[in-house]
Structure formats: C-alpha cells, structure tokens
Amino acid sequence: MQKLLVFQSLWAMERLSGDSHEPSLEGNIARIAAAGFDGVSAHYTDRADVLRLNRAIRGTGLRIEGVCFPRSIEDLRQTLALAQEFPVSHLDLQADIRPRRVEDCLPLLDGWMRLAEEAGVPVFIETHRNRMTSDLLFTLDLLERRPELPLLADLSHYLVAREFAFPVEDESQRQIRRILRNAQAFHGRIGSCEQIQIEISFAHHRPWVDLFLNWWDYGFRHWRSLAPDNGELVFTCELGPSPYAITGRDGSDSTDRWMESLQLKTMAQTLWAQTAHSASGIATVSDLNR
C-alpha cells in the first residue's frame, strides 16, 4: 500500500517560544515523535551533527530527510557517504550555485544523479530561492533538457517570486503542474503572491490555503499514478522562523507555528486520504483546514 509520511523540519522548530530559550535537539525530537510525525528534516553535511541526530531519534521510529547544499559534483560525496552509513528516506539537494545558462547546469545535475545512483540513495533537487532552481521558468527549461529530473517541490518560492496574479491564470497553473509531475517529495509551506509564508489559521488567507491544497492534490495524484504499490511519499512541514514567519512589533510570531505545523500535517493527511478514492481530478478542499 502506498503511504504518505509526514515529517517536521528541525529548522521549523527554531524560536517557537518567542524567547531566547531553545529546547534541546532531544527535546524537539521527543515533541515531534509524540505529535505523530513520521520523521524529521535536518542538515546532513556535518558528521558530528548527523551522529547526534541519529542518537536522538534512536527508538522513536522517526526517519530522516537529509538536506545538503552542494556547489560542485564532489561536494555531494560526503553527504552520500553519511546517508549510506546513517540511512535517510532521501536527500534534499539545494543546489547552491546560480548559473545563468541551462547548459552550465546540466553537467552538475548529471554528476549528482550519477553519484546518487552509484550510492543507492534517492536524491531530489529542491525548488528553492537563491539556488539553481530559484526561477520557475529557468527550472522549466532545465526540465526540457532533463525531463526525468527528480524534484522536491516547495512551491511557495515560485508563487512569491513570480508574483502570480490571483486567481492564478491558466498558463501559470500549467507551469506549476509541470513542476509537480516531477515531484518526488514535498515541502509544506503556504505563501501568497507577496509573502513566502502566511498564517494558515487566518480566515482571510483561506484562498491561498486552497490554492496550495489544489496543487498538492495534483502532485499527490500524479505521484500515486506512477509509484509502486509500496511507495512512500514524504511531505515535510516547514513553517520557518522569522523572516519567513510574519512577526508583530515585538518580534514574536503572529501565530503559533507549532500548532500550524500540526494543522498542516492534518491537511496533508486528509488530502492524501481523499486521493485514495479518485485516480484523477482535483479534490474538494473546503473541509481540509477545519
């Protein structure tokens, strides 16, 4: 049976309390496990950090999405070695290089995919600001040259960067769906055309919530149509601290990001359950964020 696994980003656990006290890694892991998440997302570039993380999750059943930021083909080798020694669900590769020509990107992408295949570790290229995939149209050009490139879809970056008009026009919808057809995992954050991360619990933000739910619905359905019966799709809740989170005059978050992470988790799980009952089309989303 295909499964949806919902992870929580450890970055999203930062500055939740609004004061200078930060819980320990072990405290955050315990909180995430108790809330019923299936795993965590964390940097996977430093051996000492990876050792500590794997000690912290021991016995919890949590799995790991490893995040890395290579600037060259060789930069990926250490992270792959760590992922082989301390297994991950997949690696989230943020390509920390910004070539202006598609032709300059292809050797890097081909090299990373070759190393990933040799290591036997799934590696997905994240759609992310200030990275190789920063621009939606540039990423679409990459897909024209590498149609099978596995992506990790964080759609908030494209919505705010392109400043889509709302309601989103058909051409922009087609462009996002092209990205979604390559999505092998998702990062869950809801933005607007002017803000990378909005408060999903505010009623007046409902249109943006519904927009993302419809996008994820399409992505989930497409993934399910191609994945094996025992496939696992990871959706990572990634509601980051300021400056991603909107803050008030005192610098505190305008909402409780932990509670909104739990709300986002429920949204994803409800959406996934709906996709089990229909092979195509867009699900009704009116009840998903109640």
C-alpha atoms as a PDB file:
ATOM      1  CA  MET A   1       0.000   0.000   0.000  1.00  0.00           C
ATOM      2  CA  GLN A   2       1.296   3.458  -0.881  1.00  0.00           C
ATOM      3  CA  LYS A   3       1.965   5.656   2.141  1.00  0.00           C
ATOM      4  CA  LEU A   4       2.244   9.343   2.907  1.00  0.00           C
ATOM      5  CA  LEU A   5       4.921  10.094   5.506  1.00  0.00           C
ATOM      6  CA  VAL A   6       4.694  13.496   7.177  1.00  0.00           C
ATOM      7  CA  PHE A   7       7.961  14.909   8.509  1.00  0.00           C
ATOM      8  CA  GLN A   8       8.678  18.004  10.588  1.00  0.00           C
ATOM      9  CA  SER A   9      11.594  20.287   9.774  1.00  0.00           C
ATOM     10  CA  LEU A  10      14.007  20.845  12.649  1.00  0.00           C
ATOM     11  CA  TRP A  11      14.632  24.337  11.268  1.00  0.00           C
ATOM     12  CA  ALA A  12      10.915  24.970  11.768  1.00  0.00           C
ATOM     13  CA  MET A  13      11.356  24.164  15.470  1.00  0.00           C
ATOM     14  CA  GLU A  14      13.618  27.168  15.983  1.00  0.00           C
ATOM     15  CA  ARG A  15      12.364  30.128  18.036  1.00  0.00           C
ATOM     16  CA  LEU A  16       8.914  28.656  18.587  1.00  0.00           C
ATOM     17  CA  SER A  17       8.627  30.067  22.096  1.00  0.00           C
ATOM     18  CA  GLY A  18       9.374  33.675  21.169  1.00  0.00           C
ATOM     19  CA  ASP A  19      12.122  33.991  23.790  1.00  0.00           C
ATOM     20  CA  SER A  20      15.807  33.181  23.996  1.00  0.00           C
ATOM     21  CA  HIS A  21      15.255  29.690  25.419  1.00  0.00           C
ATOM     22  CA  GLU A  22      15.672  26.992  22.791  1.00  0.00           C
ATOM     23  CA  PRO A  23      14.779  23.363  23.522  1.00  0.00           C
ATOM     24  CA  SER A  24      17.490  20.765  23.046  1.00  0.00           C
ATOM     25  CA  LEU A  25      17.606  18.605  19.951  1.00  0.00           C
ATOM     26  CA  GLU A  26      16.473  15.711  22.106  1.00  0.00           C
ATOM     27  CA  GLY A  27      13.566  17.768  23.418  1.00  0.00           C
ATOM     28  CA  ASN A  28      12.461  18.699  19.923  1.00  0.00           C
ATOM     29  CA  ILE A  29      12.737  15.111  18.734  1.00  0.00           C
ATOM     30  CA  ALA A  30      10.575  13.928  21.646  1.00  0.00           C
ATOM     31  CA  ARG A  31       7.958  16.582  20.864  1.00  0.00           C
ATOM     32  CA  ILE A  32       7.897  15.689  17.168  1.00  0.00           C
ATOM     33  CA  ALA A  33       7.589  11.970  17.873  1.00  0.00           C
ATOM     34  CA  ALA A  34       4.824  12.499  20.423  1.00  0.00           C
ATOM     35  CA  ALA A  35       2.849  14.540  17.877  1.00  0.00           C
ATOM     36  CA  GLY A  36       2.770  11.583  15.490  1.00  0.00           C
ATOM     37  CA  PHE A  37       5.149  12.777  12.790  1.00  0.00           C
ATOM     38  CA  ASP A  38       6.925  10.112  10.764  1.00  0.00           C
ATOM     39  CA  GLY A  39      10.303  11.801  10.535  1.00  0.00           C
ATOM     40  CA  VAL A  40      12.391  14.949  10.616  1.00  0.00           C
ATOM     41  CA  SER A  41      14.210  17.085   8.081  1.00  0.00           C
ATOM     42  CA  ALA A  42      17.729  18.160   9.021  1.00  0.00           C
ATOM     43  CA  HIS A  43      21.059  19.217   7.539  1.00  0.00           C
ATOM     44  CA  TYR A  44      23.165  16.198   6.547  1.00  0.00           C
ATOM     45  CA  THR A  45      26.551  17.736   5.874  1.00  0.00           C
ATOM     46  CA  ASP A  46      28.459  17.522   9.171  1.00  0.00           C
ATOM     47  CA  ARG A  47      29.317  14.106  10.602  1.00  0.00           C
ATOM     48  CA  ALA A  48      29.122  15.204  14.249  1.00  0.00           C
ATOM     49  CA  ASP A  49      25.645  16.676  13.707  1.00  0.00           C
ATOM     50  CA  VAL A  50      24.482  13.557  11.874  1.00  0.00           C
ATOM     51  CA  LEU A  51      25.759  11.324  14.687  1.00  0.00           C
ATOM     52  CA  ARG A  52      23.931  13.375  17.291  1.00  0.00           C
ATOM     53  CA  LEU A  53      20.710  13.386  15.266  1.00  0.00           C
ATOM     54  CA  ASN A  54      20.770   9.636  14.791  1.00  0.00           C
ATOM     55  CA  ARG A  55      21.385   9.117  18.502  1.00  0.00           C
ATOM     56  CA  ALA A  56      18.456  11.406  19.293  1.00  0.00           C
ATOM     57  CA  ILE A  57      15.966   9.568  17.078  1.00  0.00           C
ATOM     58  CA  ARG A  58      17.028   6.094  18.219  1.00  0.00           C
ATOM     59  CA  GLY A  59      13.997   4.183  19.429  1.00  0.00           C
ATOM     60  CA  THR A  60      11.479   6.771  18.201  1.00  0.00           C
ATOM     61  CA  GLY A  61      10.772   5.232  14.800  1.00  0.00           C
ATOM     62  CA  LEU A  62      11.396   8.610  13.162  1.00  0.00           C
ATOM     63  CA  ARG A  63      13.050   8.733   9.768  1.00  0.00           C
ATOM     64  CA  ILE A  64      15.220  11.432   8.242  1.00  0.00           C
ATOM     65  CA  GLU A  65      15.185  13.731   5.250  1.00  0.00           C
ATOM     66  CA  GLY A  66      18.795  14.871   4.841  1.00  0.00           C
ATOM     67  CA  VAL A  67      19.396  18.349   3.448  1.00  0.00           C
ATOM     68  CA  CYS A  68      22.578  19.358   1.626  1.00  0.00           C
ATOM     69  CA  PHE A  69      23.851  22.377  -0.298  1.00  0.00           C
ATOM     70  CA  PRO A  70      26.498  21.277  -2.806  1.00  0.00           C
ATOM     71  CA  ARG A  71      28.275  23.713  -5.093  1.00  0.00           C
ATOM     72  CA  SER A  72      30.092  21.068  -7.110  1.00  0.00           C
ATOM     73  CA  ILE A  73      29.659  17.427  -8.007  1.00  0.00           C
ATOM     74  CA  GLU A  74      32.282  16.374  -5.489  1.00  0.00           C
ATOM     75  CA  ASP A  75      30.536  18.280  -2.685  1.00  0.00           C
ATOM     76  CA  LEU A  76      27.808  15.633  -2.667  1.00  0.00           C
ATOM     77  CA  ARG A  77      30.123  12.713  -1.896  1.00  0.00           C
ATOM     78  CA  GLN A  78      30.396  13.317   1.861  1.00  0.00           C
ATOM     79  CA  THR A  79      26.635  13.662   2.305  1.00  0.00           C
ATOM     80  CA  LEU A  80      26.049  10.488   0.291  1.00  0.00           C
ATOM     81  CA  ALA A  81      28.563   8.647   2.448  1.00  0.00           C
ATOM     82  CA  LEU A  82      26.754   9.818   5.574  1.00  0.00           C
ATOM     83  CA  ALA A  83      23.417   8.771   4.077  1.00  0.00           C
ATOM     84  CA  GLN A  84      24.790   5.308   3.377  1.00  0.00           C
ATOM     85  CA  GLU A  85      26.118   4.947   6.909  1.00  0.00           C
ATOM     86  CA  PHE A  86      23.090   6.564   8.560  1.00  0.00           C
ATOM     87  CA  PRO A  87      20.184   5.857   6.186  1.00  0.00           C
ATOM     88  CA  VAL A  88      17.740   8.534   5.113  1.00  0.00           C
ATOM     89  CA  SER A  89      14.393   8.478   3.391  1.00  0.00           C
ATOM     90  CA  HIS A  90      16.002  10.683   0.726  1.00  0.00           C
ATOM     91  CA  LEU A  91      18.366  13.602   0.332  1.00  0.00           C
ATOM     92  CA  ASP A  92      17.033  17.070  -0.384  1.00  0.00           C
ATOM     93  CA  LEU A  93      19.613  18.746  -2.603  1.00  0.00           C
ATOM     94  CA  GLN A  94      19.591  22.540  -2.660  1.00  0.00           C
ATOM     95  CA  ALA A  95      21.973  23.376  -5.486  1.00  0.00           C
ATOM     96  CA  ASP A  96      23.918  26.297  -4.034  1.00  0.00           C
ATOM     97  CA  ILE A  97      25.034  27.647  -7.373  1.00  0.00           C
ATOM     98  CA  ARG A  98      23.288  30.033  -9.741  1.00  0.00           C
ATOM     99  CA  PRO A  99      24.429  29.646 -13.353  1.00  0.00           C
ATOM    100  CA  ARG A 100      22.702  31.887 -15.875  1.00  0.00           C
ATOM    101  CA  ARG A 101      22.738  29.294 -18.648  1.00  0.00           C
ATOM    102  CA  VAL A 102      20.941  25.955 -18.620  1.00  0.00           C
ATOM    103  CA  GLU A 103      23.935  24.371 -20.368  1.00  0.00           C
ATOM    104  CA  ASP A 104      26.120  25.172 -17.362  1.00  0.00           C
ATOM    105  CA  CYS A 105      23.746  23.351 -15.011  1.00  0.00           C
ATOM    106  CA  LEU A 106      23.484  20.074 -16.899  1.00  0.00           C
ATOM    107  CA  PRO A 107      26.938  18.652 -16.027  1.00  0.00           C
ATOM    108  CA  LEU A 108      26.252  19.315 -12.342  1.00  0.00           C
ATOM    109  CA  LEU A 109      22.818  17.719 -12.397  1.00  0.00           C
ATOM    110  CA  ASP A 110      24.092  14.731 -14.356  1.00  0.00           C
ATOM    111  CA  GLY A 111      27.011  14.322 -11.965  1.00  0.00           C
ATOM    112  CA  TRP A 112      24.806  14.470  -8.875  1.00  0.00           C
ATOM    113  CA  MET A 113      22.346  11.962 -10.325  1.00  0.00           C
ATOM    114  CA  ARG A 114      25.214   9.626 -11.269  1.00  0.00           C
ATOM    115  CA  LEU A 115      26.660   9.719  -7.750  1.00  0.00           C
ATOM    116  CA  ALA A 116      23.212   9.183  -6.239  1.00  0.00           C
ATOM    117  CA  GLU A 117      22.605   6.124  -8.403  1.00  0.00           C
ATOM    118  CA  GLU A 118      26.015   4.694  -7.539  1.00  0.00           C
ATOM    119  CA  ALA A 119      25.369   5.225  -3.822  1.00  0.00           C
ATOM    120  CA  GLY A 120      21.823   3.862  -3.968  1.00  0.00           C
ATOM    121  CA  VAL A 121      20.457   6.954  -2.204  1.00  0.00           C
ATOM    122  CA  PRO A 122      17.433   8.857  -3.548  1.00  0.00           C
ATOM    123  CA  VAL A 123      18.393  12.478  -4.246  1.00  0.00           C
ATOM    124  CA  PHE A 124      15.785  15.094  -5.141  1.00  0.00           C
ATOM    125  CA  ILE A 125      16.544  18.628  -6.369  1.00  0.00           C
ATOM    126  CA  GLU A 126      14.579  21.195  -4.375  1.00  0.00           C
ATOM    127  CA  THR A 127      12.823  24.138  -5.980  1.00  0.00           C
ATOM    128  CA  HIS A 128      14.217  26.855  -3.761  1.00  0.00           C
ATOM    129  CA  ARG A 129      15.074  30.560  -3.616  1.00  0.00           C
ATOM    130  CA  ASN A 130      18.662  31.628  -4.266  1.00  0.00           C
ATOM    131  CA  ARG A 131      19.542  28.247  -5.737  1.00  0.00           C
ATOM    132  CA  MET A 132      19.947  26.817  -9.230  1.00  0.00           C
ATOM    133  CA  THR A 133      16.168  26.281  -9.317  1.00  0.00           C
ATOM    134  CA  SER A 134      15.287  29.734  -7.984  1.00  0.00           C
ATOM    135  CA  ASP A 135      13.350  30.801 -11.078  1.00  0.00           C
ATOM    136  CA  LEU A 136      10.320  28.869 -12.257  1.00  0.00           C
ATOM    137  CA  LEU A 137      10.910  29.448 -15.971  1.00  0.00           C
ATOM    138  CA  PHE A 138      14.588  28.527 -15.707  1.00  0.00           C
ATOM    139  CA  THR A 139      13.645  25.304 -13.925  1.00  0.00           C
ATOM    140  CA  LEU A 140      11.132  24.526 -16.668  1.00  0.00           C
ATOM    141  CA  ASP A 141      13.964  24.956 -19.179  1.00  0.00           C
ATOM    142  CA  LEU A 142      16.037  22.505 -17.126  1.00  0.00           C
ATOM    143  CA  LEU A 143      13.184  20.006 -17.314  1.00  0.00           C
ATOM    144  CA  GLU A 144      13.067  20.361 -21.089  1.00  0.00           C
ATOM    145  CA  ARG A 145      16.669  19.136 -21.165  1.00  0.00           C
ATOM    146  CA  ARG A 146      16.328  16.630 -18.301  1.00  0.00           C
ATOM    147  CA  PRO A 147      12.661  15.539 -18.336  1.00  0.00           C
ATOM    148  CA  GLU A 148      13.123  12.887 -15.642  1.00  0.00           C
ATOM    149  CA  LEU A 149      14.928  15.107 -13.114  1.00  0.00           C
ATOM    150  CA  PRO A 150      13.520  14.226  -9.662  1.00  0.00           C
ATOM    151  CA  LEU A 151      12.350  17.328  -7.832  1.00  0.00           C
ATOM    152  CA  LEU A 152      11.393  18.177  -4.278  1.00  0.00           C
ATOM    153  CA  ALA A 153       8.590  20.695  -4.681  1.00  0.00           C
ATOM    154  CA  ASP A 154       8.498  23.761  -2.432  1.00  0.00           C
ATOM    155  CA  LEU A 155       6.006  25.803  -4.399  1.00  0.00           C
ATOM    156  CA  SER A 156       5.937  28.814  -2.073  1.00  0.00           C
ATOM    157  CA  HIS A 157       9.172  30.073  -3.626  1.00  0.00           C
ATOM    158  CA  TYR A 158       7.686  30.176  -7.107  1.00  0.00           C
ATOM    159  CA  LEU A 159       4.428  31.799  -6.084  1.00  0.00           C
ATOM    160  CA  VAL A 160       6.103  34.716  -4.343  1.00  0.00           C
ATOM    161  CA  ALA A 161       8.999  35.057  -6.806  1.00  0.00           C
ATOM    162  CA  ARG A 162       6.745  35.208  -9.864  1.00  0.00           C
ATOM    163  CA  GLU A 163       4.114  37.287  -8.023  1.00  0.00           C
ATOM    164  CA  PHE A 164       1.282  35.383  -9.649  1.00  0.00           C
ATOM    165  CA  ALA A 165      -1.929  37.299 -10.093  1.00  0.00           C
ATOM    166  CA  PHE A 166      -4.838  35.845  -8.155  1.00  0.00           C
ATOM    167  CA  PRO A 167      -6.784  33.876  -9.164  1.00  0.00           C
ATOM    168  CA  VAL A 168      -3.802  32.175 -10.787  1.00  0.00           C
ATOM    169  CA  GLU A 169      -4.112  32.224 -14.564  1.00  0.00           C
ATOM    170  CA  ASP A 170      -4.128  29.065 -16.670  1.00  0.00           C
ATOM    171  CA  GLU A 171      -0.592  29.424 -18.024  1.00  0.00           C
ATOM    172  CA  SER A 172       0.885  29.715 -14.533  1.00  0.00           C
ATOM    173  CA  GLN A 173      -1.178  26.736 -13.410  1.00  0.00           C
ATOM    174  CA  ARG A 174       0.232  24.688 -16.294  1.00  0.00           C
ATOM    175  CA  GLN A 175       3.770  25.686 -15.330  1.00  0.00           C
ATOM    176  CA  ILE A 176       3.262  24.614 -11.717  1.00  0.00           C
ATOM    177  CA  ARG A 177       1.725  21.327 -12.822  1.00  0.00           C
ATOM    178  CA  ARG A 178       4.823  20.649 -14.922  1.00  0.00           C
ATOM    179  CA  ILE A 179       6.926  21.013 -11.776  1.00  0.00           C
ATOM    180  CA  LEU A 180       4.535  18.783  -9.852  1.00  0.00           C
ATOM    181  CA  ARG A 181       4.810  15.983 -12.398  1.00  0.00           C
ATOM    182  CA  ASN A 182       8.471  15.628 -11.391  1.00  0.00           C
ATOM    183  CA  ALA A 183       7.884  15.985  -7.647  1.00  0.00           C
ATOM    184  CA  GLN A 184       9.132  13.021  -5.632  1.00  0.00           C
ATOM    185  CA  ALA A 185       8.648  14.761  -2.263  1.00  0.00           C
ATOM    186  CA  PHE A 186       7.133  17.989  -0.948  1.00  0.00           C
ATOM    187  CA  HIS A 187       7.952  20.765   1.462  1.00  0.00           C
ATOM    188  CA  GLY A 188       4.812  22.110   3.064  1.00  0.00           C
ATOM    189  CA  ARG A 189       4.582  25.854   3.388  1.00  0.00           C
ATOM    190  CA  ILE A 190       1.790  28.159   2.228  1.00  0.00           C
ATOM    191  CA  GLY A 191       2.609  31.557   0.813  1.00  0.00           C
ATOM    192  CA  SER A 192       0.904  34.296  -1.147  1.00  0.00           C
ATOM    193  CA  CYS A 193       1.991  36.216  -4.218  1.00  0.00           C
ATOM    194  CA  GLU A 194       3.793  38.701  -1.918  1.00  0.00           C
ATOM    195  CA  GLN A 195       4.758  36.679   1.171  1.00  0.00           C
ATOM    196  CA  ILE A 196       6.762  33.476   1.426  1.00  0.00           C
ATOM    197  CA  GLN A 197       4.873  32.201   4.489  1.00  0.00           C
ATOM    198  CA  ILE A 198       1.433  33.307   5.587  1.00  0.00           C
ATOM    199  CA  GLU A 199      -0.583  32.423   8.690  1.00  0.00           C
ATOM    200  CA  ILE A 200      -2.624  29.427   7.565  1.00  0.00           C
ATOM    201  CA  SER A 201      -5.014  29.749  10.524  1.00  0.00           C
ATOM    202  CA  PHE A 202      -6.225  33.226   9.488  1.00  0.00           C
ATOM    203  CA  ALA A 203      -9.602  33.044   7.746  1.00  0.00           C
ATOM    204  CA  HIS A 204      -8.734  35.721   5.181  1.00  0.00           C
ATOM    205  CA  HIS A 205      -5.838  33.558   3.952  1.00  0.00           C
ATOM    206  CA  ARG A 206      -8.177  30.730   3.021  1.00  0.00           C
ATOM    207  CA  PRO A 207      -7.892  31.345  -0.766  1.00  0.00           C
ATOM    208  CA  TRP A 208      -4.121  30.801  -0.613  1.00  0.00           C
ATOM    209  CA  VAL A 209      -4.559  27.676   1.510  1.00  0.00           C
ATOM    210  CA  ASP A 210      -6.990  26.275  -1.040  1.00  0.00           C
ATOM    211  CA  LEU A 211      -4.599  27.108  -3.886  1.00  0.00           C
ATOM    212  CA  PHE A 212      -1.816  25.069  -2.290  1.00  0.00           C
ATOM    213  CA  LEU A 213      -4.142  22.224  -1.398  1.00  0.00           C
ATOM    214  CA  ASN A 214      -5.185  22.000  -5.030  1.00  0.00           C
ATOM    215  CA  TRP A 215      -1.550  21.986  -6.156  1.00  0.00           C
ATOM    216  CA  TRP A 216      -0.624  19.289  -3.642  1.00  0.00           C
ATOM    217  CA  ASP A 217      -3.687  17.300  -4.645  1.00  0.00           C
ATOM    218  CA  TYR A 218      -2.486  17.294  -8.245  1.00  0.00           C
ATOM    219  CA  GLY A 219       1.038  16.350  -7.154  1.00  0.00           C
ATOM    220  CA  PHE A 220      -0.138  13.562  -4.861  1.00  0.00           C
ATOM    221  CA  ARG A 221      -2.365  12.070  -7.546  1.00  0.00           C
ATOM    222  CA  HIS A 222       0.312  12.195 -10.199  1.00  0.00           C
ATOM    223  CA  TRP A 223       2.867  10.598  -7.862  1.00  0.00           C
ATOM    224  CA  ARG A 224       0.405   7.855  -6.929  1.00  0.00           C
ATOM    225  CA  SER A 225      -0.309   7.096 -10.585  1.00  0.00           C
ATOM    226  CA  LEU A 226       3.367   6.231 -11.185  1.00  0.00           C
ATOM    227  CA  ALA A 227       4.688   4.967  -7.834  1.00  0.00           C
ATOM    228  CA  PRO A 228       4.803   1.274  -6.900  1.00  0.00           C
ATOM    229  CA  ASP A 229       2.235  -0.187  -4.525  1.00  0.00           C
ATOM    230  CA  ASN A 230       4.725   0.010  -1.650  1.00  0.00           C
ATOM    231  CA  GLY A 231       5.888   3.544  -2.485  1.00  0.00           C
ATOM    232  CA  GLU A 232       6.293   6.185   0.237  1.00  0.00           C
ATOM    233  CA  LEU A 233       5.823   9.897  -0.389  1.00  0.00           C
ATOM    234  CA  VAL A 234       7.318  12.382   2.080  1.00  0.00           C
ATOM    235  CA  PHE A 235       5.608  15.680   2.887  1.00  0.00           C
ATOM    236  CA  THR A 236       7.694  17.863   5.215  1.00  0.00           C
ATOM    237  CA  CYS A 237       6.026  20.592   7.260  1.00  0.00           C
ATOM    238  CA  GLU A 238       8.421  23.522   7.010  1.00  0.00           C
ATOM    239  CA  LEU A 239       6.979  26.625   8.651  1.00  0.00           C
ATOM    240  CA  GLY A 240      10.172  28.532   9.310  1.00  0.00           C
ATOM    241  CA  PRO A 241      11.033  31.196  11.873  1.00  0.00           C
ATOM    242  CA  SER A 242      11.353  34.891  11.071  1.00  0.00           C
ATOM    243  CA  PRO A 243      11.970  36.264   8.474  1.00  0.00           C
ATOM    244  CA  TYR A 244       9.843  33.501   6.952  1.00  0.00           C
ATOM    245  CA  ALA A 245       7.259  33.802   9.708  1.00  0.00           C
ATOM    246  CA  ILE A 246       5.396  37.104   9.935  1.00  0.00           C
ATOM    247  CA  THR A 247       6.077  38.832  13.254  1.00  0.00           C
ATOM    248  CA  GLY A 248       4.497  41.598  15.293  1.00  0.00           C
ATOM    249  CA  ARG A 249       6.061  44.785  16.631  1.00  0.00           C
ATOM    250  CA  ASP A 250       7.708  42.847  19.464  1.00  0.00           C
ATOM    251  CA  GLY A 251       9.373  40.411  17.057  1.00  0.00           C
ATOM    252  CA  SER A 252       7.224  37.462  18.102  1.00  0.00           C
ATOM    253  CA  ASP A 253       5.474  35.238  15.575  1.00  0.00           C
ATOM    254  CA  SER A 254       1.967  36.374  14.726  1.00  0.00           C
ATOM    255  CA  THR A 255       0.701  32.800  15.200  1.00  0.00           C
ATOM    256  CA  ASP A 256       1.716  29.613  16.980  1.00  0.00           C
ATOM    257  CA  ARG A 257       3.868  27.927  14.326  1.00  0.00           C
ATOM    258  CA  TRP A 258       3.871  24.591  16.134  1.00  0.00           C
ATOM    259  CA  MET A 259       0.078  24.471  16.163  1.00  0.00           C
ATOM    260  CA  GLU A 260       0.031  25.480  12.496  1.00  0.00           C
ATOM    261  CA  SER A 261       2.523  22.696  11.724  1.00  0.00           C
ATOM    262  CA  LEU A 262       0.104  20.234  13.298  1.00  0.00           C
ATOM    263  CA  GLN A 263      -2.709  21.783  11.268  1.00  0.00           C
ATOM    264  CA  LEU A 264      -0.645  21.441   8.091  1.00  0.00           C
ATOM    265  CA  LYS A 265       0.097  17.815   8.941  1.00  0.00           C
ATOM    266  CA  THR A 266      -3.614  17.098   9.221  1.00  0.00           C
ATOM    267  CA  MET A 267      -4.308  18.886   5.930  1.00  0.00           C
ATOM    268  CA  ALA A 268      -1.768  16.743   4.095  1.00  0.00           C
ATOM    269  CA  GLN A 269      -3.057  13.518   5.635  1.00  0.00           C
ATOM    270  CA  THR A 270      -6.668  14.389   4.814  1.00  0.00           C
ATOM    271  CA  LEU A 271      -5.735  15.288   1.251  1.00  0.00           C
ATOM    272  CA  TRP A 272      -3.832  12.019   0.865  1.00  0.00           C
ATOM    273  CA  ALA A 273      -6.827  10.032   2.105  1.00  0.00           C
ATOM    274  CA  GLN A 274      -9.021  11.746  -0.471  1.00  0.00           C
ATOM    275  CA  THR A 275      -6.669  10.819  -3.300  1.00  0.00           C
ATOM    276  CA  ALA A 276      -7.162   7.151  -2.450  1.00  0.00           C
ATOM    277  CA  HIS A 277     -10.762   7.421  -3.632  1.00  0.00           C
ATOM    278  CA  SER A 278     -10.129   9.043  -7.005  1.00  0.00           C
ATOM    279  CA  ALA A 279      -7.447   8.457  -9.614  1.00  0.00           C
ATOM    280  CA  SER A 280      -7.703  11.849 -11.311  1.00  0.00           C
ATOM    281  CA  GLY A 281      -9.085  15.341 -10.973  1.00  0.00           C
ATOM    282  CA  ILE A 282      -8.922  17.835  -8.144  1.00  0.00           C
ATOM    283  CA  ALA A 283     -10.473  17.062  -4.793  1.00  0.00           C
ATOM    284  CA  THR A 284     -12.830  19.350  -2.953  1.00  0.00           C
ATOM    285  CA  VAL A 285     -10.767  21.248  -0.402  1.00  0.00           C
ATOM    286  CA  SER A 286     -13.396  23.174   1.550  1.00  0.00           C
ATOM    287  CA  ASP A 287     -13.118  20.971   4.631  1.00  0.00           C
ATOM    288  CA  LEU A 288      -9.341  20.360   4.666  1.00  0.00           C
ATOM    289  CA  ASN A 289      -8.266  23.138   7.013  1.00  0.00           C
ATOM    290  CA  ARG A 290     -11.074  22.996   9.529  1.00  0.00           C
END
